[in-house]
Amino acid sequence: MQRKFPMLLSAFVWLASLFPAINYAASSSPDDVPTLAQTVDRHYNQLRTLQAEFTEIYHGAGMDRTESGTLWLKRPGRMRWEYRTPRQKLFLTDGKNAWFYLPGQRQARKTSFRKLEDLRSPLGYLLGKTKLEKEFQGLSLAVDVKPLTAGNRVLRGVPKVMGARITQVLLEVAPGGRIDRIVAEDADGATTEYRFGDQKEGLPIADQRFRFSPPAGVEMVEGEVGQ
């Protein structure tokens, strides 16, 4: 099933412009949403690269699915999602085009990044361009949502792009402004959650990692890119 999403965190389009970090717990009150949002902005706007392990959890349409792998992001607008379990697949963009490929298949799909409406795509613009208060309506603290990690805080908002389709987005933020989890809820009640672990910032990442060369015998097909 293909899952589409508007720009979650500026155009993470929602999913490399990603990630001087400060401790917001020491500099803001629990109700100071602008300060917390600005802490997230500062954290990501000074980064050029990010590598993380991710877990993607989907609930909806009578289906539950959990997948995991490694994510790489690099400013500007480049990202690579390598899924390892339960099956291998690749979602990749160089900031201009996006590709989706399942190893072993005879076709790989390609589309313009500007036409991409995928939950992962906004992450490609998180580094260097984050401005949460401009991207979300009604940004507030989700005091009714327990964070996965003690000490984190959870922000709630509705993305301004395709807000009629997405009822809310939750961002779990660690001290210092790092985003550890994103949860998006569709109007039909389906939810897609991304959890990020082992995050490594500022590592050298070669541009080649964001280029897709189809294996021998694999045909490139223009069209929608999704799962």
Protein backbone atom coordinates (compact mmCIF):
# COMPACT_ATOMS: atom_id res chain seq x y z
CA MET A 1 0.00 0.00 0.00
CA GLN A 2 1.33 3.43 -0.95
CA ARG A 3 1.18 5.98 1.83
CA LYS A 4 1.36 9.62 0.91
CA PHE A 5 2.04 12.57 3.15
CA PRO A 6 2.57 16.31 2.89
CA MET A 7 5.69 18.11 3.96
CA LEU A 8 6.06 17.22 7.59
CA LEU A 9 8.95 19.39 8.57
CA SER A 10 9.40 21.81 5.79
CA ALA A 11 9.32 20.95 2.18
CA PHE A 12 11.00 15.61 6.48
CA VAL A 13 7.90 17.16 2.14
CA TRP A 14 6.79 13.79 5.47
CA LEU A 15 10.51 12.02 6.31
CA ALA A 16 19.02 16.75 2.94
CA SER A 17 19.03 19.71 4.56
CA LEU A 18 18.33 17.42 8.15
CA PHE A 19 19.35 17.65 11.35
CA PRO A 20 24.48 25.16 18.59
CA ALA A 21 22.17 22.38 20.18
CA ILE A 22 20.95 23.74 23.55
CA ASN A 23 19.16 22.12 26.42
CA TYR A 24 15.63 23.42 26.13
CA ALA A 25 14.72 21.97 29.51
CA ALA A 26 17.06 24.46 31.09
CA SER A 27 16.09 27.42 28.91
CA SER A 28 12.32 27.16 28.59
CA SER A 29 9.27 26.39 30.63
CA PRO A 30 7.22 23.25 29.87
CA ASP A 31 4.61 25.45 28.17
CA ASP A 32 7.06 27.45 26.05
CA VAL A 33 6.29 25.93 22.66
CA PRO A 34 8.08 28.63 20.60
CA THR A 35 11.32 28.08 22.51
CA LEU A 36 11.11 24.32 22.09
CA ALA A 37 10.37 24.67 18.37
CA GLN A 38 13.31 27.04 17.96
CA THR A 39 15.56 24.55 19.75
CA VAL A 40 14.63 21.93 17.16
CA ASP A 41 15.27 24.45 14.38
CA ARG A 42 18.72 25.33 15.75
CA HIS A 43 19.67 21.69 16.16
CA TYR A 44 18.95 20.71 12.58
CA ASN A 45 19.82 23.89 10.76
CA GLN A 46 23.50 23.56 11.68
CA LEU A 47 23.78 19.98 10.41
CA ARG A 48 24.91 18.83 6.99
CA THR A 49 24.48 15.06 7.37
CA LEU A 50 22.66 12.54 9.48
CA GLN A 51 22.77 8.76 9.73
CA ALA A 52 20.26 6.85 11.85
CA GLU A 53 18.67 3.48 12.36
CA PHE A 54 14.92 3.66 11.85
CA THR A 55 11.84 1.60 12.62
CA GLU A 56 8.69 2.27 10.60
CA ILE A 57 5.39 1.12 12.14
CA TYR A 58 2.13 1.26 10.19
CA HIS A 59 -1.38 0.60 11.50
CA GLY A 60 -4.39 0.91 9.23
CA ALA A 61 -6.76 -0.68 6.74
CA GLY A 62 -6.79 -3.86 8.82
CA MET A 63 -3.03 -4.17 8.52
CA ASP A 64 -0.11 -3.85 10.95
CA ARG A 65 3.41 -3.67 9.56
CA THR A 66 6.81 -3.02 11.11
CA GLU A 67 9.93 -2.44 9.01
CA SER A 68 13.43 -1.29 9.83
CA GLY A 69 16.69 -0.23 8.27
CA THR A 70 19.19 2.62 7.95
CA LEU A 71 18.58 6.21 6.90
CA TRP A 72 21.14 8.66 5.48
CA LEU A 73 20.44 12.35 4.86
CA LYS A 74 22.65 15.03 3.41
CA ARG A 75 22.10 18.68 2.70
CA PRO A 76 20.58 19.72 0.39
CA GLY A 77 17.56 17.43 -0.03
CA ARG A 78 19.29 14.07 -0.34
CA MET A 79 18.25 10.92 1.48
CA ARG A 80 18.54 7.17 1.30
CA TRP A 81 16.26 4.72 3.13
CA GLU A 82 17.64 1.18 3.09
CA TYR A 83 15.08 -1.27 4.45
CA ARG A 84 16.53 -4.55 5.73
CA THR A 85 13.64 -6.26 7.50
CA PRO A 86 11.30 -7.94 6.88
CA ARG A 87 12.46 -7.54 3.28
CA GLN A 88 15.03 -5.45 1.48
CA LYS A 89 13.94 -2.36 -0.44
CA LEU A 90 15.37 1.02 -1.31
CA PHE A 91 13.89 4.53 -1.31
CA LEU A 92 16.34 7.13 -2.59
CA THR A 93 16.39 10.77 -3.70
CA ASP A 94 19.13 13.08 -4.89
CA GLY A 95 16.96 16.16 -4.29
CA LYS A 96 15.72 16.26 -7.89
CA ASN A 97 14.43 12.75 -8.54
CA ALA A 98 13.28 9.88 -6.34
CA TRP A 99 13.54 6.11 -6.90
CA PHE A 100 11.94 3.08 -5.32
CA TYR A 101 13.39 -0.39 -5.89
CA LEU A 102 12.78 -3.87 -4.55
CA PRO A 103 15.86 -6.07 -5.06
CA GLY A 104 15.09 -8.92 -7.40
CA GLN A 105 12.35 -7.12 -9.34
CA ARG A 106 12.72 -6.23 -12.97
CA GLN A 107 11.52 -2.66 -12.61
CA ALA A 108 12.50 0.38 -10.55
CA ARG A 109 10.17 3.36 -10.24
CA LYS A 110 11.28 6.96 -10.69
CA THR A 111 9.51 10.28 -10.18
CA SER A 112 10.34 13.96 -9.84
CA PHE A 113 11.02 14.92 -6.23
CA ARG A 114 8.68 17.91 -6.68
CA LYS A 115 5.82 15.55 -7.43
CA LEU A 116 6.59 13.28 -4.51
CA GLU A 117 3.91 12.99 -1.83
CA ASP A 118 5.40 10.40 0.46
CA LEU A 119 5.70 10.37 4.22
CA ARG A 120 9.46 10.00 4.01
CA SER A 121 10.09 12.87 1.63
CA PRO A 122 9.85 15.86 4.02
CA LEU A 123 12.79 14.45 5.98
CA GLY A 124 14.96 15.24 3.00
CA TYR A 125 14.57 18.94 3.77
CA LEU A 126 14.92 18.82 7.52
CA LEU A 127 18.63 19.63 7.53
CA GLY A 128 19.25 23.32 7.13
CA LYS A 129 15.65 24.39 6.53
CA THR A 130 13.71 23.53 9.65
CA LYS A 131 11.10 26.08 10.79
CA LEU A 132 8.49 24.15 12.73
CA GLU A 133 6.22 27.07 13.54
CA LYS A 134 5.83 27.89 9.84
CA GLU A 135 5.16 24.27 8.83
CA PHE A 136 2.51 23.39 11.42
CA GLN A 137 -0.80 24.88 12.46
CA GLY A 138 -1.72 24.79 16.13
CA LEU A 139 1.71 23.66 17.28
CA SER A 140 1.41 22.73 20.95
CA LEU A 141 2.71 20.41 23.63
CA ALA A 142 0.93 17.04 23.55
CA VAL A 143 0.69 16.70 27.31
CA ASP A 144 -1.66 13.72 26.89
CA VAL A 145 0.95 11.70 24.97
CA LYS A 146 3.62 9.86 26.95
CA PRO A 147 7.05 10.02 25.28
CA LEU A 148 8.86 6.77 24.62
CA THR A 149 11.93 8.13 26.41
CA ALA A 150 11.74 9.81 29.82
CA GLY A 151 12.76 13.46 29.63
CA ASN A 152 11.60 13.91 26.04
CA ARG A 153 8.68 16.16 25.12
CA VAL A 154 6.04 15.64 22.45
CA LEU A 155 4.83 18.38 20.11
CA ARG A 156 1.54 18.17 18.21
CA GLY A 157 0.54 20.04 15.08
CA VAL A 158 -1.23 19.86 11.73
CA PRO A 159 0.96 20.28 8.63
CA LYS A 160 -0.13 23.29 6.58
CA VAL A 161 0.22 21.32 3.34
CA MET A 162 -2.52 18.68 2.94
CA GLY A 163 -3.80 19.45 6.41
CA ALA A 164 -7.23 18.10 5.43
CA ARG A 165 -5.69 14.68 4.85
CA ILE A 166 -3.46 14.48 7.92
CA THR A 167 -5.30 15.06 11.19
CA GLN A 168 -2.17 15.47 13.31
CA VAL A 169 1.56 14.89 13.56
CA LEU A 170 3.41 14.12 16.79
CA LEU A 171 7.10 14.94 17.16
CA GLU A 172 8.97 13.46 20.12
CA VAL A 173 11.86 15.79 20.91
CA ALA A 174 14.88 14.96 23.07
CA PRO A 175 16.76 17.52 25.19
CA GLY A 176 18.88 19.52 22.77
CA GLY A 177 16.28 19.45 19.99
CA ARG A 178 16.85 16.05 18.40
CA ILE A 179 13.75 14.37 16.96
CA ASP A 180 13.51 10.76 18.13
CA ARG A 181 10.05 9.88 16.84
CA ILE A 182 7.44 11.09 14.35
CA VAL A 183 3.85 9.87 14.27
CA ALA A 184 1.43 10.90 11.50
CA GLU A 185 -2.28 10.19 11.66
CA ASP A 186 -4.34 10.10 8.45
CA ALA A 187 -7.92 11.28 8.22
CA ASP A 188 -8.97 7.64 7.76
CA GLY A 189 -7.43 6.74 11.12
CA ALA A 190 -4.29 5.03 9.82
CA THR A 191 -1.03 5.93 11.55
CA THR A 192 2.56 5.80 10.40
CA GLU A 193 5.29 6.06 13.02
CA TYR A 194 9.02 6.52 12.58
CA ARG A 195 11.42 5.87 15.46
CA PHE A 196 15.04 6.92 15.07
CA GLY A 197 17.96 5.47 17.00
CA ASP A 198 21.76 5.48 16.97
CA GLN A 199 21.72 8.91 15.35
CA LYS A 200 25.09 10.06 14.07
CA GLU A 201 25.42 13.67 13.01
CA GLY A 202 28.00 15.28 10.77
CA LEU A 203 29.55 12.09 9.41
CA PRO A 204 31.11 12.29 5.94
CA ILE A 205 28.63 10.74 3.49
CA ALA A 206 29.65 10.40 -0.16
CA ASP A 207 27.30 11.87 -2.77
CA GLN A 208 27.40 8.53 -4.55
CA ARG A 209 25.21 7.03 -1.83
CA PHE A 210 22.33 9.15 -3.12
CA ARG A 211 22.63 8.11 -6.75
CA PHE A 212 20.67 5.21 -8.17
CA SER A 213 22.10 3.00 -10.89
CA PRO A 214 19.65 0.25 -11.86
CA PRO A 215 21.13 -3.26 -11.85
CA ALA A 216 21.58 -4.97 -15.19
CA GLY A 217 18.26 -6.02 -16.64
CA VAL A 218 16.20 -3.64 -14.44
CA GLU A 219 13.90 -1.30 -16.34
CA MET A 220 13.25 2.27 -15.16
CA VAL A 221 9.56 3.18 -15.04
CA GLU A 222 8.32 6.76 -14.64
CA GLY A 223 5.44 7.18 -12.20
CA GLU A 224 4.47 7.36 -8.56
CA VAL A 225 7.07 6.20 -6.07
CA GLY A 226 5.77 4.43 -2.97
CA GLN A 227 5.68 1.18 -1.07
